[in-house]
Amino acid sequence: MFEEVDKSSGEIVNLTPNASNTVQPVALMRLGVFVPTLKSLKNRKKNTLSRTDASEELTRLSLARAEGFDKVEITGPRLDMDNDFKT
């Protein structure tokens, strides 16, 4: 079971995952994993990798605890404004 505070009312909401639904961790969106590289050509670096330590946020999840994870690190290329955000 997870607890989340409703920002509009301040009420604590209990979230319980089961076979038909799951709780998506909002913590992932707050980590900075999805931060793009600079668009300007003079400050831009090619193939820039981003490394984020998500241990504190993700090891609280029961799945991570059940699997024995105590250090969670997300590594990968940064988002590219020219390619990843084309419309």
C-alpha atoms as a PDB file:
ATOM      1  CA  MET A   1       0.000   0.000   0.000  1.00  0.00           C
ATOM      2  CA  PHE A   2       1.223   3.504  -0.824  1.00  0.00           C
ATOM      3  CA  GLU A   3       0.189   6.821   0.635  1.00  0.00           C
ATOM      4  CA  GLU A   4      -0.079   9.985  -1.461  1.00  0.00           C
ATOM      5  CA  VAL A   5      -1.169  13.432  -0.315  1.00  0.00           C
ATOM      6  CA  ASP A   6      -3.933  15.069  -2.374  1.00  0.00           C
ATOM      7  CA  LYS A   7      -2.470  18.520  -3.042  1.00  0.00           C
ATOM      8  CA  SER A   8      -5.853  20.209  -3.378  1.00  0.00           C
ATOM      9  CA  SER A   9      -7.307  18.981  -0.075  1.00  0.00           C
ATOM     10  CA  GLY A  10      -4.271  17.821   1.921  1.00  0.00           C
ATOM     11  CA  GLU A  11      -6.034  14.490   2.467  1.00  0.00           C
ATOM     12  CA  ILE A  12      -3.916  11.309   2.563  1.00  0.00           C
ATOM     13  CA  VAL A  13      -5.036   8.875  -0.124  1.00  0.00           C
ATOM     14  CA  ASN A  14      -4.142   5.182   0.167  1.00  0.00           C
ATOM     15  CA  LEU A  15      -3.189   3.553  -3.138  1.00  0.00           C
ATOM     16  CA  THR A  16      -3.354  -0.215  -3.274  1.00  0.00           C
ATOM     17  CA  PRO A  17      -2.028  -2.059  -6.343  1.00  0.00           C
ATOM     18  CA  ASN A  18      -3.748  -5.307  -7.289  1.00  0.00           C
ATOM     19  CA  ALA A  19      -4.105  -7.606 -10.295  1.00  0.00           C
ATOM     20  CA  SER A  20      -6.160  -5.097 -12.293  1.00  0.00           C
ATOM     21  CA  ASN A  21      -4.235  -1.865 -11.591  1.00  0.00           C
ATOM     22  CA  THR A  22      -0.842  -0.632 -10.495  1.00  0.00           C
ATOM     23  CA  VAL A  23       0.582   2.469  -8.868  1.00  0.00           C
ATOM     24  CA  GLN A  24       2.856   4.405 -11.219  1.00  0.00           C
ATOM     25  CA  PRO A  25       5.624   6.111  -9.226  1.00  0.00           C
ATOM     26  CA  VAL A  26       5.446   9.866  -9.688  1.00  0.00           C
ATOM     27  CA  ALA A  27       8.971   9.886  -8.247  1.00  0.00           C
ATOM     28  CA  LEU A  28      10.374   8.886 -11.644  1.00  0.00           C
ATOM     29  CA  MET A  29       9.081  12.070 -13.259  1.00  0.00           C
ATOM     30  CA  ARG A  30      10.726  14.172 -10.547  1.00  0.00           C
ATOM     31  CA  LEU A  31      14.199  12.653 -10.925  1.00  0.00           C
ATOM     32  CA  GLY A  32      15.449  14.724 -13.847  1.00  0.00           C
ATOM     33  CA  VAL A  33      15.831  11.666 -16.053  1.00  0.00           C
ATOM     34  CA  PHE A  34      13.700  13.314 -18.723  1.00  0.00           C
ATOM     35  CA  VAL A  35      15.686  16.574 -18.946  1.00  0.00           C
ATOM     36  CA  PRO A  36      16.748  17.352 -22.537  1.00  0.00           C
ATOM     37  CA  THR A  37      20.119  18.614 -23.745  1.00  0.00           C
ATOM     38  CA  LEU A  38      20.532  22.242 -24.749  1.00  0.00           C
ATOM     39  CA  LYS A  39      19.177  23.070 -28.190  1.00  0.00           C
ATOM     40  CA  SER A  40      21.712  25.749 -29.031  1.00  0.00           C
ATOM     41  CA  LEU A  41      24.509  24.372 -31.201  1.00  0.00           C
ATOM     42  CA  LYS A  42      27.398  26.124 -29.464  1.00  0.00           C
ATOM     43  CA  ASN A  43      26.607  24.621 -26.025  1.00  0.00           C
ATOM     44  CA  ARG A  44      25.424  21.242 -27.240  1.00  0.00           C
ATOM     45  CA  LYS A  45      27.364  18.050 -26.605  1.00  0.00           C
ATOM     46  CA  LYS A  46      26.746  14.952 -28.705  1.00  0.00           C
ATOM     47  CA  ASN A  47      26.043  11.600 -27.064  1.00  0.00           C
ATOM     48  CA  THR A  48      25.639  13.117 -23.599  1.00  0.00           C
ATOM     49  CA  LEU A  49      24.786  10.451 -21.041  1.00  0.00           C
ATOM     50  CA  SER A  50      22.657  11.093 -18.018  1.00  0.00           C
ATOM     51  CA  ARG A  51      23.180   9.101 -14.821  1.00  0.00           C
ATOM     52  CA  THR A  52      20.598   9.359 -12.055  1.00  0.00           C
ATOM     53  CA  ASP A  53      20.690   7.664  -8.664  1.00  0.00           C
ATOM     54  CA  ALA A  54      17.090   6.643  -7.978  1.00  0.00           C
ATOM     55  CA  SER A  55      17.865   4.492  -4.938  1.00  0.00           C
ATOM     56  CA  GLU A  56      16.092   6.603  -2.342  1.00  0.00           C
ATOM     57  CA  GLU A  57      12.897   6.984  -4.370  1.00  0.00           C
ATOM     58  CA  LEU A  58      12.571   3.503  -5.846  1.00  0.00           C
ATOM     59  CA  THR A  59      13.768   1.222  -3.041  1.00  0.00           C
ATOM     60  CA  ARG A  60      10.683   2.274  -1.077  1.00  0.00           C
ATOM     61  CA  LEU A  61       8.528   0.393  -3.599  1.00  0.00           C
ATOM     62  CA  SER A  62       7.534  -3.053  -2.374  1.00  0.00           C
ATOM     63  CA  LEU A  63       8.617  -4.655  -5.668  1.00  0.00           C
ATOM     64  CA  ALA A  64      12.144  -3.271  -5.310  1.00  0.00           C
ATOM     65  CA  ARG A  65      12.321  -4.404  -1.677  1.00  0.00           C
ATOM     66  CA  ALA A  66      11.000  -7.863  -2.573  1.00  0.00           C
ATOM     67  CA  GLU A  67      13.682  -8.249  -5.265  1.00  0.00           C
ATOM     68  CA  GLY A  68      16.400  -7.045  -2.888  1.00  0.00           C
ATOM     69  CA  PHE A  69      17.334  -3.860  -4.743  1.00  0.00           C
ATOM     70  CA  ASP A  70      19.174  -1.365  -2.553  1.00  0.00           C
ATOM     71  CA  LYS A  71      20.898   0.700  -5.259  1.00  0.00           C
ATOM     72  CA  VAL A  72      18.990   1.776  -8.365  1.00  0.00           C
ATOM     73  CA  GLU A  73      20.763   3.807 -11.045  1.00  0.00           C
ATOM     74  CA  ILE A  74      19.259   4.927 -14.357  1.00  0.00           C
ATOM     75  CA  THR A  75      21.767   5.571 -17.152  1.00  0.00           C
ATOM     76  CA  GLY A  76      21.125   6.517 -20.756  1.00  0.00           C
ATOM     77  CA  PRO A  77      21.379   9.191 -23.421  1.00  0.00           C
ATOM     78  CA  ARG A  78      19.842  12.574 -22.685  1.00  0.00           C
ATOM     79  CA  LEU A  79      16.814  13.615 -24.704  1.00  0.00           C
ATOM     80  CA  ASP A  80      17.634  15.530 -27.880  1.00  0.00           C
ATOM     81  CA  MET A  81      15.484  18.617 -28.560  1.00  0.00           C
ATOM     82  CA  ASP A  82      15.964  18.309 -32.336  1.00  0.00           C
ATOM     83  CA  ASN A  83      14.963  14.635 -32.625  1.00  0.00           C
ATOM     84  CA  ASP A  84      12.925  13.614 -29.583  1.00  0.00           C
ATOM     85  CA  PHE A  85      10.523  16.566 -29.634  1.00  0.00           C
ATOM     86  CA  LYS A  86       9.697  16.787 -33.357  1.00  0.00           C
ATOM     87  CA  THR A  87       6.033  17.257 -34.177  1.00  0.00           C
END
